[in-house]
Protein backbone atom coordinates (compact mmCIF):
# COMPACT_ATOMS: atom_id res chain seq x y z
CA MET A 1 101.08 -123.79 -103.02
CA ILE A 2 97.57 -122.48 -101.59
CA ASP A 3 96.54 -119.52 -103.53
CA ILE A 4 95.56 -117.46 -101.00
CA LYS A 5 93.15 -115.27 -102.91
CA LEU A 6 91.14 -118.04 -104.42
CA ARG A 7 91.18 -119.83 -100.40
CA LEU A 8 89.94 -116.27 -99.23
CA LYS A 9 87.26 -116.05 -102.19
CA TYR A 10 85.79 -119.93 -101.56
CA TYR A 11 85.42 -119.31 -97.84
CA GLN A 12 83.58 -116.01 -98.50
CA THR A 13 81.67 -117.57 -100.87
CA ILE A 14 80.40 -120.25 -98.57
CA MET A 15 79.84 -118.52 -95.77
CA GLY A 16 78.17 -115.55 -97.58
CA LEU A 17 80.89 -112.81 -96.37
CA ASN A 18 81.03 -109.79 -99.06
CA ASN A 19 84.42 -107.79 -98.52
CA ASN A 20 82.69 -105.29 -96.31
CA LYS A 21 81.29 -107.87 -93.49
CA LEU A 22 84.73 -109.91 -93.75
CA ALA A 23 86.72 -106.84 -92.50
CA GLU A 24 84.07 -105.86 -90.27
CA ARG A 25 83.93 -109.15 -88.65
CA SER A 26 88.04 -109.38 -88.92
CA ASP A 27 88.54 -105.88 -87.44
CA LEU A 28 90.29 -104.73 -90.98
CA ASP A 29 89.52 -101.95 -92.93
CA PRO A 30 87.48 -103.18 -95.98
CA SER A 31 90.97 -101.81 -98.12
CA VAL A 32 92.61 -104.43 -96.89
CA ILE A 33 90.22 -107.46 -98.16
CA CYS A 34 90.26 -105.33 -101.52
CA SER A 35 94.02 -105.24 -102.30
CA ILE A 36 94.51 -108.90 -101.46
CA TYR A 37 92.30 -109.55 -104.43
CA THR A 38 93.81 -107.23 -106.81
CA ARG A 39 97.09 -108.45 -105.54
CA SER A 40 98.71 -105.13 -104.58
CA TYR A 41 99.05 -106.57 -100.61
CA GLU A 42 100.16 -109.64 -99.65
CA PRO A 43 99.06 -110.42 -96.51
CA THR A 44 101.01 -111.14 -93.29
CA ILE A 45 100.51 -113.67 -91.06
CA THR A 46 98.66 -111.55 -88.72
CA THR A 47 96.35 -110.07 -90.84
CA LEU A 48 95.54 -113.41 -92.11
CA ASN A 49 94.95 -114.65 -88.20
CA SER A 50 92.56 -111.71 -88.24
CA ILE A 51 90.73 -113.08 -91.41
CA CYS A 52 90.26 -116.77 -90.62
CA LYS A 53 88.91 -115.43 -87.20
CA GLY A 54 86.61 -113.54 -89.19
CA LEU A 55 85.81 -116.20 -91.17
CA GLY A 56 85.35 -118.73 -87.77
CA ILE A 57 88.37 -120.74 -88.95
CA THR A 58 91.84 -121.79 -87.90
CA LEU A 59 95.08 -120.67 -90.09
CA SER A 60 95.55 -124.53 -89.63
CA GLU A 61 92.26 -124.69 -91.73
CA PHE A 62 92.66 -122.21 -94.52
CA PHE A 63 95.99 -123.38 -95.38
CA ALA A 64 94.99 -127.16 -95.25
CA GLU A 65 95.73 -128.94 -98.58
CA ASP A 66 93.31 -131.93 -98.19
CA GLU A 67 89.84 -131.59 -99.03
CA LYS A 68 88.32 -132.88 -96.38
CA TYR A 69 88.60 -129.81 -94.66
CA THR A 70 87.46 -127.52 -97.18
CA GLU A 71 84.31 -129.12 -98.44
CA LEU A 72 81.45 -128.53 -96.88
CA THR A 73 77.99 -130.05 -97.25
CA GLU A 74 75.03 -128.21 -98.50
CA VAL A 75 73.67 -128.00 -94.84
CA GLU A 76 76.79 -127.07 -93.18
CA ARG A 77 76.84 -123.95 -95.53
CA ALA A 78 73.13 -123.32 -94.50
CA PHE A 79 74.22 -123.89 -91.25
CA LEU A 80 77.39 -121.16 -91.50
CA LYS A 81 74.88 -118.64 -93.69
CA ILE A 82 72.32 -118.48 -90.38
CA LEU A 83 75.87 -118.03 -87.96
CA ASN A 84 76.75 -115.23 -89.77
CA ARG A 85 73.31 -113.66 -89.08
CA VAL A 86 73.74 -113.79 -85.32
CA PRO A 87 75.75 -111.23 -83.18
CA LYS A 88 79.17 -112.43 -82.35
CA ARG A 89 78.43 -112.47 -78.58
CA LYS A 90 76.14 -114.72 -79.07
CA HIS A 91 78.12 -117.45 -80.72
CA GLU A 92 79.22 -119.57 -77.33
CA LEU A 93 75.68 -119.47 -76.11
CA LEU A 94 74.27 -121.27 -79.40
CA ARG A 95 77.09 -123.16 -79.50
CA GLN A 96 76.38 -124.72 -75.85
CA ILE A 97 72.87 -125.08 -77.42
CA LEU A 98 73.69 -127.16 -80.17
CA LEU A 99 75.75 -129.25 -77.77
CA GLU A 100 73.21 -129.82 -75.64
CA MET A 101 71.13 -130.87 -78.28
CA ALA A 102 73.37 -133.04 -79.64
CA GLU A 103 74.10 -134.53 -75.89
CA ASP A 104 69.60 -135.41 -75.92
CA ILE A 105 70.35 -136.80 -79.44
CA ILE A 106 73.15 -139.17 -79.12
CA LEU A 107 72.71 -140.11 -74.79
CA PRO A 108 69.17 -142.11 -75.63
CA TYR A 109 70.76 -144.31 -77.80
CA GLY A 110 74.45 -145.02 -76.15
CA GLY A 111 72.82 -146.06 -72.98
């Protein structure tokens, strides 16, 4: 069984988010995040879904027991820290730029 508190701490750490920043990104009151850590609040699926959106992951990823889904390389962690500095409204634009860059790299070698 997944320890929600430990899993939440893991994702917050690798993404460089403190409780207030995570609460802001999740559209939750910071006291909700703090209550999870003090175990005075057992989060609902709705609350966990909001937190996952704030973390940029799915509920499935949050609860994945296979370590390959939770281990990130140092480079991936660095990308996530940078992404966390980019305003949410620009995430799709950044995704499109990265996809175009990947196509530029992959296509010349594949054809």
